[in-house]
Structure formats: C-alpha cells, structure tokens
Protein backbone atom coordinates (compact mmCIF):
# COMPACT_ATOMS: atom_id res chain seq x y z
CA MET A 1 61.56 83.40 72.94
CA SER A 2 59.17 80.62 74.57
CA HIS A 3 56.82 78.04 73.79
CA ILE A 4 53.56 78.61 76.18
CA ALA A 5 50.57 76.81 76.02
CA ILE A 6 47.20 78.20 77.61
CA LEU A 7 44.26 76.35 78.78
CA GLY A 8 41.22 78.52 77.92
CA ILE A 9 42.53 80.20 75.11
CA THR A 10 38.87 81.17 74.02
CA GLY A 11 38.01 82.70 77.22
CA ARG A 12 38.21 87.01 78.18
CA ALA A 13 41.41 86.28 80.19
CA GLY A 14 43.41 83.47 78.07
CA SER A 15 42.64 85.66 74.77
CA ARG A 16 44.27 88.50 76.37
CA ILE A 17 47.29 86.76 77.40
CA ALA A 18 48.05 84.90 74.13
CA ASN A 19 47.79 88.18 72.61
CA GLU A 20 50.46 90.00 75.14
CA LEU A 21 52.87 87.14 74.61
CA LEU A 22 52.79 86.71 70.87
CA GLU A 23 53.04 90.79 70.17
CA ARG A 24 56.22 89.93 72.43
CA GLY A 25 57.61 87.52 69.85
CA HIS A 26 56.68 84.12 72.16
CA THR A 27 55.24 81.15 70.46
CA VAL A 28 51.30 80.37 71.40
CA THR A 29 49.47 77.02 71.27
CA GLY A 30 45.88 77.68 72.60
CA ILE A 31 44.00 75.09 74.00
CA ALA A 32 40.19 74.75 74.20
CA ARG A 33 37.86 72.40 73.98
CA ASN A 34 36.15 74.41 71.30
CA ILE A 35 38.32 76.45 68.98
CA ALA A 36 36.00 76.89 65.83
CA ASP A 37 36.19 80.50 66.46
CA VAL A 38 39.65 81.24 67.37
CA ALA A 39 41.04 83.52 64.63
CA PRO A 40 44.37 81.89 63.29
CA ARG A 41 47.32 84.42 63.98
CA LYS A 42 51.50 83.87 63.45
CA GLY A 43 53.08 82.37 66.07
CA LEU A 44 49.57 80.60 66.85
CA THR A 45 48.84 77.14 66.98
CA VAL A 46 45.30 75.75 68.39
CA GLN A 47 44.65 72.46 69.84
CA ALA A 48 41.07 71.20 70.70
CA ALA A 49 41.64 69.08 73.98
CA ASP A 50 39.51 68.66 77.43
CA ALA A 51 41.36 70.96 80.47
CA THR A 52 39.91 68.12 82.37
CA ASP A 53 42.00 65.10 81.03
CA ALA A 54 45.37 65.20 82.08
CA ALA A 55 46.16 62.09 79.69
CA ALA A 56 45.07 63.54 77.00
CA LEU A 57 46.54 67.41 77.78
CA SER A 58 49.70 65.36 78.66
CA GLY A 59 50.14 64.70 74.63
CA VAL A 60 49.31 68.56 73.78
CA LEU A 61 51.29 70.10 76.19
CA LYS A 62 54.93 67.90 75.55
CA GLY A 63 57.66 70.83 74.41
CA HIS A 64 56.55 73.75 76.13
CA ASP A 65 58.28 75.78 78.46
CA ALA A 66 55.44 76.72 80.52
CA ILE A 67 51.74 76.33 81.08
CA VAL A 68 49.06 79.08 81.77
CA SER A 69 45.79 77.80 83.21
CA ALA A 70 42.79 80.43 82.72
CA THR A 71 40.13 78.01 82.64
CA ARG A 72 37.21 78.24 85.31
CA PHE A 73 37.68 76.75 88.57
CA ASP A 74 34.36 75.13 89.03
CA GLY A 75 33.79 72.80 86.50
CA GLY A 76 36.65 73.46 84.81
CA SER A 77 40.27 72.26 85.83
CA ASP A 78 41.38 71.27 89.30
CA ALA A 79 44.95 71.61 90.36
CA GLU A 80 45.81 67.90 90.63
CA THR A 81 44.67 67.44 86.81
CA VAL A 82 46.82 70.19 85.48
CA LEU A 83 50.05 69.33 87.52
CA SER A 84 49.52 65.46 86.43
CA ALA A 85 49.01 66.77 82.72
CA ALA A 86 52.51 68.79 83.83
CA ARG A 87 54.50 66.05 84.96
CA GLN A 88 53.48 63.84 81.93
CA ALA A 89 54.37 66.16 79.72
CA GLY A 90 57.71 67.35 81.07
CA VAL A 91 56.87 70.80 81.51
CA PRO A 92 58.63 72.63 84.33
CA ARG A 93 56.19 75.46 84.89
CA VAL A 94 52.26 76.14 85.70
CA LEU A 95 50.85 79.93 85.84
CA VAL A 96 47.55 80.41 87.07
CA VAL A 97 44.44 83.05 86.33
CA GLY A 98 43.23 82.96 89.83
CA GLY A 99 40.52 84.74 91.37
CA ALA A 100 40.28 87.55 93.71
CA GLY A 101 37.77 86.06 96.32
CA SER A 102 41.11 84.40 98.52
CA LEU A 103 42.89 87.27 98.92
CA GLU A 104 42.80 88.88 102.41
CA VAL A 105 40.61 91.50 103.47
CA ALA A 106 42.15 91.49 106.98
CA PRO A 107 44.20 89.21 108.56
CA GLY A 108 42.90 85.41 108.17
CA VAL A 109 39.63 86.80 106.55
CA ALA A 110 39.40 86.45 102.86
CA VAL A 111 37.31 88.26 100.44
CA VAL A 112 35.01 85.47 99.50
CA ASP A 113 34.37 85.19 103.32
CA THR A 114 33.06 88.65 103.72
CA PRO A 115 29.08 89.08 104.50
CA ASN A 116 29.09 90.61 101.18
CA PHE A 117 30.22 88.44 98.91
CA PRO A 118 28.05 87.82 95.68
CA ASP A 119 26.54 84.34 96.13
CA ALA A 120 26.59 84.45 92.33
CA TYR A 121 30.54 84.20 92.42
CA LYS A 122 31.23 82.21 95.47
CA ALA A 123 31.37 78.56 93.93
CA GLU A 124 33.97 79.86 91.56
CA ALA A 125 35.79 81.68 94.51
CA LEU A 126 35.54 78.71 96.68
CA ALA A 127 37.08 76.54 94.24
CA GLY A 128 40.00 78.77 93.14
CA ARG A 129 40.74 78.76 96.87
CA VAL A 130 40.81 75.01 96.90
CA PHE A 131 42.93 75.35 93.45
CA LEU A 132 45.18 77.20 95.14
CA ASN A 133 45.45 75.27 98.43
CA ALA A 134 46.34 72.50 96.40
CA LEU A 135 49.01 73.96 94.49
CA ARG A 136 51.09 75.12 97.62
CA PRO A 137 52.54 71.90 98.65
CA GLU A 138 53.60 71.59 95.22
CA LYS A 139 57.47 70.50 95.37
CA ASP A 140 58.37 69.55 91.80
CA ILE A 141 56.40 72.14 88.89
CA ASP A 142 57.19 75.40 89.82
CA TRP A 143 53.69 77.17 89.68
CA THR A 144 52.73 80.51 90.18
CA PHE A 145 48.85 81.65 91.03
CA ILE A 146 48.12 85.39 89.97
CA SER A 147 45.33 86.76 91.69
CA PRO A 148 43.78 89.73 90.12
CA SER A 149 41.78 93.11 91.73
CA ALA A 150 38.09 92.61 92.41
CA LEU A 151 37.41 94.34 89.45
CA PHE A 152 38.71 92.00 86.61
CA GLU A 153 37.09 93.33 82.97
CA PRO A 154 38.57 94.27 79.35
CA GLY A 155 40.19 97.53 79.24
CA GLU A 156 42.47 99.97 78.51
CA ARG A 157 46.32 98.67 78.21
CA THR A 158 48.08 101.04 80.35
CA GLY A 159 51.42 98.83 81.51
CA LYS A 160 51.21 100.87 84.92
CA PHE A 161 50.04 98.71 88.08
CA ARG A 162 50.78 97.85 91.24
CA ILE A 163 51.97 94.18 92.32
CA GLY A 164 51.01 92.77 95.77
CA GLY A 165 51.43 89.16 97.94
CA ASP A 166 48.26 87.59 99.57
CA GLN A 167 46.17 90.97 100.27
CA LEU A 168 43.70 93.03 98.49
CA LEU A 169 45.16 95.66 96.15
CA ALA A 170 42.65 99.12 96.19
CA ASP A 171 43.48 102.82 94.81
CA ALA A 172 42.87 105.68 96.76
CA SER A 173 39.25 105.85 96.36
CA GLY A 174 39.03 102.06 97.94
CA ALA A 175 38.20 100.65 94.44
CA SER A 176 39.86 97.48 93.94
CA ARG A 177 40.22 96.85 89.67
CA ILE A 178 42.65 95.86 87.01
CA THR A 179 42.26 95.22 83.08
CA MET A 180 42.48 91.92 81.79
CA GLU A 181 44.96 93.62 79.46
CA ASP A 182 47.67 95.02 82.40
CA PHE A 183 46.87 91.49 83.98
CA ALA A 184 48.46 90.16 80.90
CA ILE A 185 50.96 92.21 81.17
CA ALA A 186 51.90 91.49 84.64
CA LEU A 187 51.57 87.54 84.10
CA VAL A 188 53.83 87.62 81.34
CA ASN A 189 56.35 89.68 82.87
CA GLU A 190 55.91 86.50 85.20
CA ILE A 191 57.04 84.16 82.69
CA GLU A 192 59.93 86.45 81.09
CA ALA A 193 61.77 87.37 84.42
CA PRO A 194 59.99 84.77 87.28
CA GLN A 195 59.27 86.66 90.67
CA HIS A 196 56.76 84.27 92.21
CA SER A 197 58.32 80.63 92.25
CA ARG A 198 55.70 78.42 94.21
CA ALA A 199 53.69 81.72 95.47
CA ARG A 200 51.10 83.87 94.68
CA PHE A 201 51.10 87.33 93.93
CA THR A 202 48.05 89.66 92.75
CA VAL A 203 47.75 93.05 90.38
CA GLY A 204 46.33 95.76 91.14
CA TYR A 205 45.76 99.79 90.46
C-alpha cells in the first residue's frame, strides 16, 4: 500500500485516479484549491492548497510515496513548481496526467502541430508539451508523463487497452481514444509496478 498525493483531486481525471487508488487499497491525499465538494471516503484525506505554490505544496506533500499531477497545464502547475515541491517534501516520484497534443503522428510531427488541431485546445496542448520537455532533463525525481489518446472522456472501465510510447495510438477504425477510467488503471499500474522511469508513455485502445 502506498500513500499518494493527487494535485487536482476535483477534476475529472484526478477524481477517477483517486477512485482507482482507493479501490486498490492505497491511501490518498487529494489536493485542490476548493475541496468543499469532495465526498469523504475511507483512505482519503483532502487538503486545500494552491498547486502553483511550491512552498505551500511542499508542506502538504511530505510523507507521500508519489505525487500525481492532474491539473491543467495552461494556467495550472508547471514542471518546475511540481518538481521543486517534490524535492522540498522529499517525495521521490512524480506522475503527470499529460495530453495527447505532444504525441507524434509522424516522425517529428506532433498532434498539436497538425493543420486541423482545434484552436480551442491549442494553448493547453502547447503548455503540456512545455511541461514534458521541462521534465526530460530531470535526474533527481523519478518522473513519468502519461498521455491519453486524442479522445479522453469519462466512460467504461474495461481494463483492456494498449500501451505506447511517443506516438499517438489509434484503433483499427482510426479512432484514438481512451476512457478516463481505463487511463486511471494504467496510471495506477505504473505506480504499483513502474515500467516507464523518466519517460513518457501513452494509453489507448
């Protein structure tokens, strides 16, 4: 059993990751600016904190085995803040809920750089790529950046999915998708049995 901190517990991904961890018997500290609507559960502690404030975060993070960052990139936490807070708190592992925008659709061509990438999601996708690139030279903290497929929505928990590297995954029909529930399985699997130390991987059907 591990003690895991989740930045962004109130978000759609963060709440599902918390559920997966709790169902497997881990203890969770859920962190968000506003925790009023987080329902109490056995094994779950909630703490109000600003994920953009490394000094404030470090006090909350002490004693945890890993941090899961499930906040937005555009206007949320950046890599320097999360890594600094982890160092100050003595937490050895950081796992980041990434985006699909930085995945490749061809050698050297990221999803976010394709002509039809929606403008509404571009700022978040570009900020996600900056976050990933800031993690890559990190040698002290054991980080993992986990990108979902292009369509990342709540849905069924099937436990059946594929793991990839830096390339966007798509099924036989060309659809690139993963439910948040199955993504949470992949992330918690990585916590329990690390396979991608200081690397990015992706999850899809």
